[in-house]
């Protein structure tokens, strides 16, 4: 009897250990990765992938077809809807319902200008704000209860020009950015070398001009990102390759410094594009086209100042937008002219990136958007 009881005890222990091991071995939950594109070549619209946040593997699950140049994308705060610009002369904003494996078009409305190139949604989820490059204007669109968009409640046209007679004959709005506290909207305008500032009325969506900031003449401000701590903002200058760092308060922006994203001995053609900060707030990344590199800087947490870390090949041509995975483990770089999205490992200690050998093939990728 004692022998049988001992044997049963051993079996129960082994059974429990096996059950425990089975519970530990779990696959990480896949992320949704959306890719906005230009449809001038082989692209058919917006591409949806499932992305493994541990391995960097990806698989295509659907394509939302029939959209004309759905270049830039934005996600609603409740993660139920996606908004895309249709970057054409008769510009529009497309609203889509986000499912697990598909996007379903709801409606479209006017972007209030020509060639919309950027869109964002305010923190309340009530307003979509869109920037129109060719007309140098921005518009505010209401987001309705079903997630669709209404016609603009406000359209603002910038005025002025810059010193570059070819690129800066007039205003060119390149992005629209809502502050972390949802009080201010900052609009880098490539054509007039200014970051225009507006106060946002969260109830009506109306913008009133605030304290706008000039940057270096001929620099062409393009995209802006906020530090996770909400204290600093950074703007990438398309034409000079510089980054301007700002302090941020409710009153607006105050310049800290300007640094170049190009090597000290650089002499050639460049067109800077995108800018992002790692989730831990320690490193800033910027993409440079023609040079085809990603520049990396460390961020002083006390001052917001930048120190150059390194430069890395984008492993493709014309790195436009790029995205950092929510955990900070990977950086995905969209190379517009070589039709590939290259997946890099990111060292969380040094900030440096290295190729994983993995990539996603898609025609003319412009915008990468993770949904976690």
Protein backbone atom coordinates (compact mmCIF):
# COMPACT_ATOMS: atom_id res chain seq x y z
CA UNK A 1 0.00 0.00 0.00
CA UNK A 2 2.82 2.44 0.89
CA UNK A 3 4.43 1.63 -2.46
CA UNK A 4 1.20 2.43 -4.33
CA UNK A 5 0.72 5.74 -2.46
CA UNK A 6 4.30 6.78 -3.27
CA UNK A 7 3.81 5.91 -6.92
CA UNK A 8 0.60 7.93 -7.09
CA UNK A 9 2.34 10.94 -5.49
CA UNK A 10 5.13 10.81 -8.07
CA UNK A 11 2.59 10.64 -10.92
CA UNK A 12 0.73 13.67 -9.55
CA UNK A 13 3.94 15.69 -9.28
CA UNK A 14 4.97 14.83 -12.82
CA UNK A 15 1.46 15.66 -14.05
CA UNK A 16 1.54 19.07 -12.32
CA UNK A 17 5.02 19.84 -13.70
CA UNK A 18 3.89 18.93 -17.23
CA UNK A 19 0.79 21.12 -16.88
CA UNK A 20 2.94 24.01 -15.60
CA UNK A 21 5.33 23.71 -18.52
CA UNK A 22 2.44 23.75 -20.99
CA UNK A 23 1.10 26.97 -19.46
CA UNK A 24 4.49 28.70 -19.63
CA UNK A 25 4.99 28.01 -23.34
CA UNK A 26 2.72 30.64 -24.88
CA UNK A 27 3.05 32.44 -28.20
CA UNK A 28 3.22 36.25 -27.94
CA UNK A 29 0.10 38.07 -29.05
CA UNK A 30 0.56 39.28 -32.63
CA UNK A 31 0.39 42.97 -33.44
CA UNK A 32 -1.47 44.44 -36.38
CA UNK A 33 0.75 46.40 -38.77
CA UNK A 34 -0.91 48.70 -41.31
CA UNK A 35 0.97 50.05 -44.32
CA UNK A 36 -0.19 53.11 -46.24
CA UNK A 37 1.14 53.36 -49.79
CA UNK A 38 1.26 55.28 -53.02
CA UNK A 39 -0.70 53.41 -55.67
CA UNK A 40 1.31 54.74 -58.63
CA UNK A 41 3.00 51.38 -59.32
CA UNK A 42 1.88 47.98 -58.06
CA UNK A 43 0.31 48.83 -54.72
CA UNK A 44 -3.45 48.26 -54.40
CA UNK A 45 -4.17 50.26 -51.25
CA UNK A 46 -3.66 49.71 -47.51
CA UNK A 47 -1.91 46.49 -46.47
CA UNK A 48 -2.57 44.69 -43.19
CA UNK A 49 0.01 42.35 -41.66
CA UNK A 50 0.25 40.38 -38.44
CA UNK A 51 3.58 41.02 -36.76
CA UNK A 52 5.25 38.81 -34.14
CA UNK A 53 6.68 41.21 -31.49
CA UNK A 54 9.25 38.65 -30.32
CA UNK A 55 10.64 37.27 -33.60
CA UNK A 56 9.99 40.09 -36.06
CA UNK A 57 8.17 37.71 -38.41
CA UNK A 58 5.21 39.03 -40.38
CA UNK A 59 2.43 37.72 -42.60
CA UNK A 60 0.03 39.48 -44.95
CA UNK A 61 -3.62 39.03 -43.94
CA UNK A 62 -5.54 41.47 -46.15
CA UNK A 63 -5.40 44.37 -48.61
CA UNK A 64 -7.97 47.17 -48.63
CA UNK A 65 -8.23 47.85 -52.35
CA UNK A 66 -9.68 50.64 -54.45
CA UNK A 67 -8.12 53.51 -52.48
CA UNK A 68 -6.17 56.19 -54.33
CA UNK A 69 -2.80 57.00 -52.72
CA UNK A 70 -3.78 56.19 -49.11
CA UNK A 71 -0.39 57.45 -48.02
CA UNK A 72 -0.68 58.46 -44.37
CA UNK A 73 -2.70 56.75 -41.64
CA UNK A 74 -3.95 57.60 -38.14
CA UNK A 75 -5.59 55.48 -35.45
CA UNK A 76 -8.53 56.49 -33.25
CA UNK A 77 -7.86 56.47 -29.49
CA UNK A 78 -10.29 53.56 -29.00
CA UNK A 79 -8.48 51.62 -31.77
CA UNK A 80 -11.74 50.92 -33.59
CA UNK A 81 -11.12 53.14 -36.61
CA UNK A 82 -8.35 54.13 -38.99
CA UNK A 83 -8.22 57.35 -40.98
CA UNK A 84 -6.26 57.72 -44.21
CA UNK A 85 -5.55 60.61 -46.52
CA UNK A 86 -6.07 60.19 -50.24
CA UNK A 87 -3.05 62.16 -51.44
CA UNK A 88 -4.45 63.45 -54.71
CA UNK A 89 -5.31 66.88 -56.11
CA UNK A 90 -8.94 66.63 -55.00
CA UNK A 91 -7.82 65.53 -51.55
CA UNK A 92 -9.98 63.54 -49.21
CA UNK A 93 -9.99 61.76 -45.85
CA UNK A 94 -11.09 58.11 -45.75
CA UNK A 95 -12.58 56.57 -42.60
CA UNK A 96 -12.32 52.82 -42.06
CA UNK A 97 -13.53 50.38 -39.42
CA UNK A 98 -10.69 48.28 -38.02
CA UNK A 99 -11.34 44.57 -37.67
CA UNK A 100 -8.99 41.81 -36.60
CA UNK A 101 -8.01 40.94 -40.18
CA UNK A 102 -9.69 43.58 -42.36
CA UNK A 103 -10.36 47.27 -42.84
CA UNK A 104 -13.85 48.26 -43.99
CA UNK A 105 -14.35 51.62 -45.66
CA UNK A 106 -17.04 53.76 -44.01
CA UNK A 107 -16.98 57.02 -45.95
CA UNK A 108 -14.81 59.82 -47.23
CA UNK A 109 -14.91 63.58 -46.87
CA UNK A 110 -12.98 66.53 -48.26
CA UNK A 111 -9.54 67.19 -46.82
CA UNK A 112 -10.13 70.89 -47.35
CA UNK A 113 -7.14 71.25 -49.68
CA UNK A 114 -4.82 69.78 -52.29
CA UNK A 115 -2.57 66.73 -51.81
CA UNK A 116 -3.20 65.89 -48.13
CA UNK A 117 -0.02 64.27 -46.78
CA UNK A 118 -0.61 63.86 -43.04
CA UNK A 119 -3.45 63.17 -40.63
CA UNK A 120 -3.87 62.80 -36.88
CA UNK A 121 -6.70 62.34 -34.39
CA UNK A 122 -6.96 64.37 -31.18
CA UNK A 123 -6.86 62.60 -27.82
CA UNK A 124 -10.64 62.86 -27.34
CA UNK A 125 -11.27 61.01 -30.60
CA UNK A 126 -13.69 63.75 -31.71
CA UNK A 127 -11.56 65.45 -34.34
CA UNK A 128 -9.40 64.45 -37.31
CA UNK A 129 -6.84 67.07 -38.32
CA UNK A 130 -5.34 66.89 -41.80
CA UNK A 131 -2.49 68.77 -43.50
CA UNK A 132 -2.60 69.59 -47.22
CA UNK A 133 0.84 69.97 -48.76
CA UNK A 134 0.23 71.64 -52.13
CA UNK A 135 -2.38 74.13 -50.90
CA UNK A 136 -0.46 74.92 -47.71
CA UNK A 137 -3.54 74.41 -45.59
CA UNK A 138 -5.00 72.34 -42.77
CA UNK A 139 -8.52 71.30 -41.88
CA UNK A 140 -10.45 69.96 -38.89
CA UNK A 141 -13.01 67.21 -39.55
CA UNK A 142 -15.53 65.92 -37.00
CA UNK A 143 -15.50 62.21 -36.18
CA UNK A 144 -19.08 60.97 -35.92
CA UNK A 145 -20.53 58.39 -33.52
CA UNK A 146 -20.11 55.52 -36.00
CA UNK A 147 -16.46 56.41 -36.66
CA UNK A 148 -17.07 58.06 -40.01
CA UNK A 149 -15.92 61.61 -40.77
CA UNK A 150 -17.95 64.70 -41.54
CA UNK A 151 -17.02 67.62 -43.76
CA UNK A 152 -14.47 70.11 -42.36
CA UNK A 153 -15.67 72.46 -39.63
CA UNK A 154 -12.62 74.68 -40.22
CA UNK A 155 -10.05 75.23 -42.96
CA UNK A 156 -6.92 77.33 -42.42
CA UNK A 157 -4.63 78.50 -45.23
CA UNK A 158 -1.11 79.56 -44.35
CA UNK A 159 0.59 82.54 -45.94
CA UNK A 160 4.21 83.37 -46.75
CA UNK A 161 7.23 81.91 -48.50
CA UNK A 162 10.85 80.93 -47.89
CA UNK A 163 14.24 81.72 -49.45
CA UNK A 164 14.35 78.62 -51.71
CA UNK A 165 12.77 79.83 -54.95
CA UNK A 166 12.01 76.30 -56.15
CA UNK A 167 10.69 74.66 -52.98
CA UNK A 168 9.35 77.59 -51.00
CA UNK A 169 7.29 79.74 -53.33
CA UNK A 170 4.40 79.39 -50.91
CA UNK A 171 3.27 77.47 -47.82
CA UNK A 172 3.46 73.66 -47.72
CA UNK A 173 1.88 72.08 -44.63
CA UNK A 174 3.69 68.80 -43.99
CA UNK A 175 2.25 67.47 -40.73
CA UNK A 176 -0.33 68.21 -38.05
CA UNK A 177 0.54 67.26 -34.47
CA UNK A 178 -1.55 67.36 -31.30
CA UNK A 179 0.28 67.96 -28.01
CA UNK A 180 0.14 65.21 -25.34
CA UNK A 181 -2.18 67.33 -23.18
CA UNK A 182 -4.55 67.84 -26.17
CA UNK A 183 -4.41 71.61 -25.75
CA UNK A 184 -2.21 72.65 -28.67
CA UNK A 185 -1.72 71.74 -32.31
CA UNK A 186 1.66 72.26 -34.02
CA UNK A 187 1.93 72.38 -37.80
CA UNK A 188 5.38 72.32 -39.45
CA UNK A 189 5.17 74.20 -42.75
CA UNK A 190 8.01 73.44 -45.17
CA UNK A 191 7.27 76.44 -47.39
CA UNK A 192 7.49 79.18 -44.77
CA UNK A 193 10.06 77.77 -42.32
CA UNK A 194 7.66 77.90 -39.38
CA UNK A 195 6.02 75.59 -36.90
CA UNK A 196 2.59 77.16 -36.72
CA UNK A 197 0.86 76.83 -33.35
CA UNK A 198 -2.87 76.67 -32.60
CA UNK A 199 -5.02 76.30 -29.50
CA UNK A 200 -7.58 73.49 -29.84
CA UNK A 201 -11.13 73.90 -28.57
CA UNK A 202 -11.91 70.30 -27.75
CA UNK A 203 -15.69 70.85 -27.84
CA UNK A 204 -15.99 72.67 -31.17
CA UNK A 205 -12.78 71.58 -32.91
CA UNK A 206 -11.98 75.21 -33.71
CA UNK A 207 -8.32 76.24 -33.83
CA UNK A 208 -7.09 79.69 -32.85
CA UNK A 209 -3.54 80.76 -33.64
CA UNK A 210 -1.09 80.66 -30.77
CA UNK A 211 2.65 81.25 -30.44
CA UNK A 212 4.21 80.04 -33.70
CA UNK A 213 7.94 79.38 -34.00
CA UNK A 214 10.37 80.15 -36.82
CA UNK A 215 13.19 77.74 -37.64
CA UNK A 216 16.34 78.35 -39.69
CA UNK A 217 15.66 79.97 -43.06
CA UNK A 218 15.52 77.46 -45.92
CA UNK A 219 15.34 74.46 -43.61
CA UNK A 220 11.85 73.20 -44.51
CA UNK A 221 10.27 71.77 -41.31
CA UNK A 222 8.48 68.49 -41.98
CA UNK A 223 7.54 66.05 -39.17
CA UNK A 224 7.33 66.53 -35.40
CA UNK A 225 7.38 64.15 -32.45
CA UNK A 226 6.92 64.58 -28.70
CA UNK A 227 9.07 62.97 -26.04
CA UNK A 228 7.17 60.41 -23.89
CA UNK A 229 7.61 62.71 -20.88
CA UNK A 230 5.63 65.43 -22.67
CA UNK A 231 8.29 68.07 -21.93
CA UNK A 232 10.16 68.10 -25.26
CA UNK A 233 9.28 68.20 -28.96
CA UNK A 234 11.52 67.62 -31.98
CA UNK A 235 11.09 68.71 -35.60
CA UNK A 236 12.96 67.23 -38.58
CA UNK A 237 13.91 69.71 -41.31
CA UNK A 238 13.56 68.17 -44.76
CA UNK A 239 15.83 70.53 -46.68
CA UNK A 240 18.81 70.92 -44.32
CA UNK A 241 18.70 67.59 -42.47
CA UNK A 242 18.62 69.32 -39.10
CA UNK A 243 16.54 68.52 -36.02
CA UNK A 244 15.28 71.36 -33.86
CA UNK A 245 14.65 70.50 -30.21
CA UNK A 246 12.03 72.42 -28.22
CA UNK A 247 10.82 72.69 -24.67
CA UNK A 248 7.04 72.31 -24.51
CA UNK A 249 4.60 73.97 -22.10
CA UNK A 250 0.92 74.87 -22.37
CA UNK A 251 2.07 78.23 -23.72
CA UNK A 252 3.85 76.66 -26.71
CA UNK A 253 7.36 75.77 -27.88
CA UNK A 254 10.72 77.25 -26.92
CA UNK A 255 13.84 76.39 -28.94
CA UNK A 256 16.57 74.41 -27.15
CA UNK A 257 19.02 73.66 -29.98
CA UNK A 258 19.42 72.54 -33.58
CA UNK A 259 21.62 69.61 -34.63
CA UNK A 260 22.35 67.95 -37.97
CA UNK A 261 21.28 64.38 -38.76
CA UNK A 262 24.04 64.16 -41.39
CA UNK A 263 27.69 63.14 -40.90
CA UNK A 264 30.06 66.05 -40.24
CA UNK A 265 31.85 65.64 -43.59
CA UNK A 266 28.65 65.14 -45.63
CA UNK A 267 28.47 66.91 -49.00
CA UNK A 268 25.68 65.77 -51.29
CA UNK A 269 21.96 65.51 -51.87
CA UNK A 270 19.68 64.78 -48.94
CA UNK A 271 16.00 64.99 -48.07
CA UNK A 272 15.13 64.19 -44.45
CA UNK A 273 11.76 62.59 -43.81
CA UNK A 274 10.62 61.11 -40.53
CA UNK A 275 11.41 61.30 -36.81
CA UNK A 276 10.53 59.08 -33.81
CA UNK A 277 11.60 58.51 -30.21
CA UNK A 278 12.04 55.10 -28.57
CA UNK A 279 9.30 54.12 -26.07
CA UNK A 280 11.76 54.51 -23.17
CA UNK A 281 12.50 58.10 -24.26
CA UNK A 282 16.26 57.55 -24.42
CA UNK A 283 16.91 57.71 -28.17
CA UNK A 284 15.76 59.73 -31.18
CA UNK A 285 15.75 58.33 -34.74
CA UNK A 286 15.55 60.20 -38.06
CA UNK A 287 15.36 59.04 -41.68
CA UNK A 288 17.32 60.60 -44.54
CA UNK A 289 16.44 60.00 -48.19
CA UNK A 290 19.00 59.90 -51.04
CA UNK A 291 21.64 59.36 -48.36
CA UNK A 292 19.32 56.48 -47.36
CA UNK A 293 20.23 56.28 -43.69
CA UNK A 294 18.74 56.24 -40.22
CA UNK A 295 20.48 58.65 -37.84
CA UNK A 296 20.44 57.94 -34.09
CA UNK A 297 20.82 60.34 -31.15
CA UNK A 298 20.73 59.88 -27.40
CA UNK A 299 18.48 62.25 -25.47
CA UNK A 300 19.52 64.00 -22.27
CA UNK A 301 16.51 63.40 -20.03
CA UNK A 302 17.14 66.56 -18.01
CA UNK A 303 17.67 69.03 -20.85
CA UNK A 304 16.22 67.42 -23.98
CA UNK A 305 19.51 67.95 -25.82
CA UNK A 306 20.76 65.46 -28.41
CA UNK A 307 24.08 63.64 -28.79
CA UNK A 308 24.90 61.80 -32.01
CA UNK A 309 25.20 58.03 -31.63
CA UNK A 310 25.51 56.54 -35.13
CA UNK A 311 24.26 56.34 -38.72
CA UNK A 312 22.92 53.16 -40.33
CA UNK A 313 22.04 52.17 -43.89
CA UNK A 314 18.30 51.87 -44.52
CA UNK A 315 19.06 48.87 -46.77
CA UNK A 316 16.92 50.41 -49.47
CA UNK A 317 16.22 53.62 -51.33
CA UNK A 318 14.17 56.57 -50.10
CA UNK A 319 13.42 55.65 -46.46
CA UNK A 320 10.24 57.59 -45.92
CA UNK A 321 8.30 56.72 -42.81
CA UNK A 322 9.52 54.25 -40.21
CA UNK A 323 8.04 52.81 -37.03
CA UNK A 324 9.34 51.50 -33.71
CA UNK A 325 7.49 48.45 -32.39
CA UNK A 326 5.55 49.17 -29.16
CA UNK A 327 8.07 47.26 -27.01
CA UNK A 328 10.99 49.06 -28.65
CA UNK A 329 12.54 45.77 -29.82
CA UNK A 330 12.33 46.42 -33.59
CA UNK A 331 12.48 49.32 -36.03
CA UNK A 332 10.74 48.92 -39.38
CA UNK A 333 11.92 51.21 -42.20
CA UNK A 334 9.73 51.83 -45.27
CA UNK A 335 11.89 52.29 -48.39
CA UNK A 336 9.63 53.85 -50.99
CA UNK A 337 11.72 53.36 -54.11
CA UNK A 338 12.90 49.79 -53.49
CA UNK A 339 9.43 48.55 -52.45
CA UNK A 340 10.57 47.04 -49.18
CA UNK A 341 10.13 47.43 -45.43
CA UNK A 342 13.32 46.39 -43.66
CA UNK A 343 13.11 45.02 -40.12
CA UNK A 344 15.94 45.97 -37.75
CA UNK A 345 16.73 44.81 -34.24
CA UNK A 346 17.16 47.68 -31.76
CA UNK A 347 19.63 47.55 -28.91
CA UNK A 348 17.83 49.10 -25.95
CA UNK A 349 21.11 50.00 -24.21
CA UNK A 350 23.05 51.63 -27.08
CA UNK A 351 20.11 52.61 -29.28
CA UNK A 352 21.88 51.18 -32.32
CA UNK A 353 20.10 49.03 -34.90
CA UNK A 354 21.17 45.92 -36.82
CA UNK A 355 19.53 44.01 -39.70
CA UNK A 356 17.47 40.94 -38.83
CA UNK A 357 17.63 39.73 -42.43
CA UNK A 358 13.84 40.02 -42.58
CA UNK A 359 11.82 42.36 -44.76
CA UNK A 360 8.32 42.91 -46.10
CA UNK A 361 7.86 43.36 -49.84
CA UNK A 362 5.22 45.93 -50.70
CA UNK A 363 5.11 48.55 -53.44
CA UNK A 364 5.82 52.18 -52.50
CA UNK A 365 5.34 52.02 -48.72
CA UNK A 366 4.83 55.43 -47.14
CA UNK A 367 3.36 55.07 -43.63
CA UNK A 368 3.70 52.31 -41.02
CA UNK A 369 1.18 52.09 -38.17
CA UNK A 370 1.26 49.53 -35.35
CA UNK A 371 -1.94 48.56 -33.52
CA UNK A 372 -1.32 46.72 -30.24
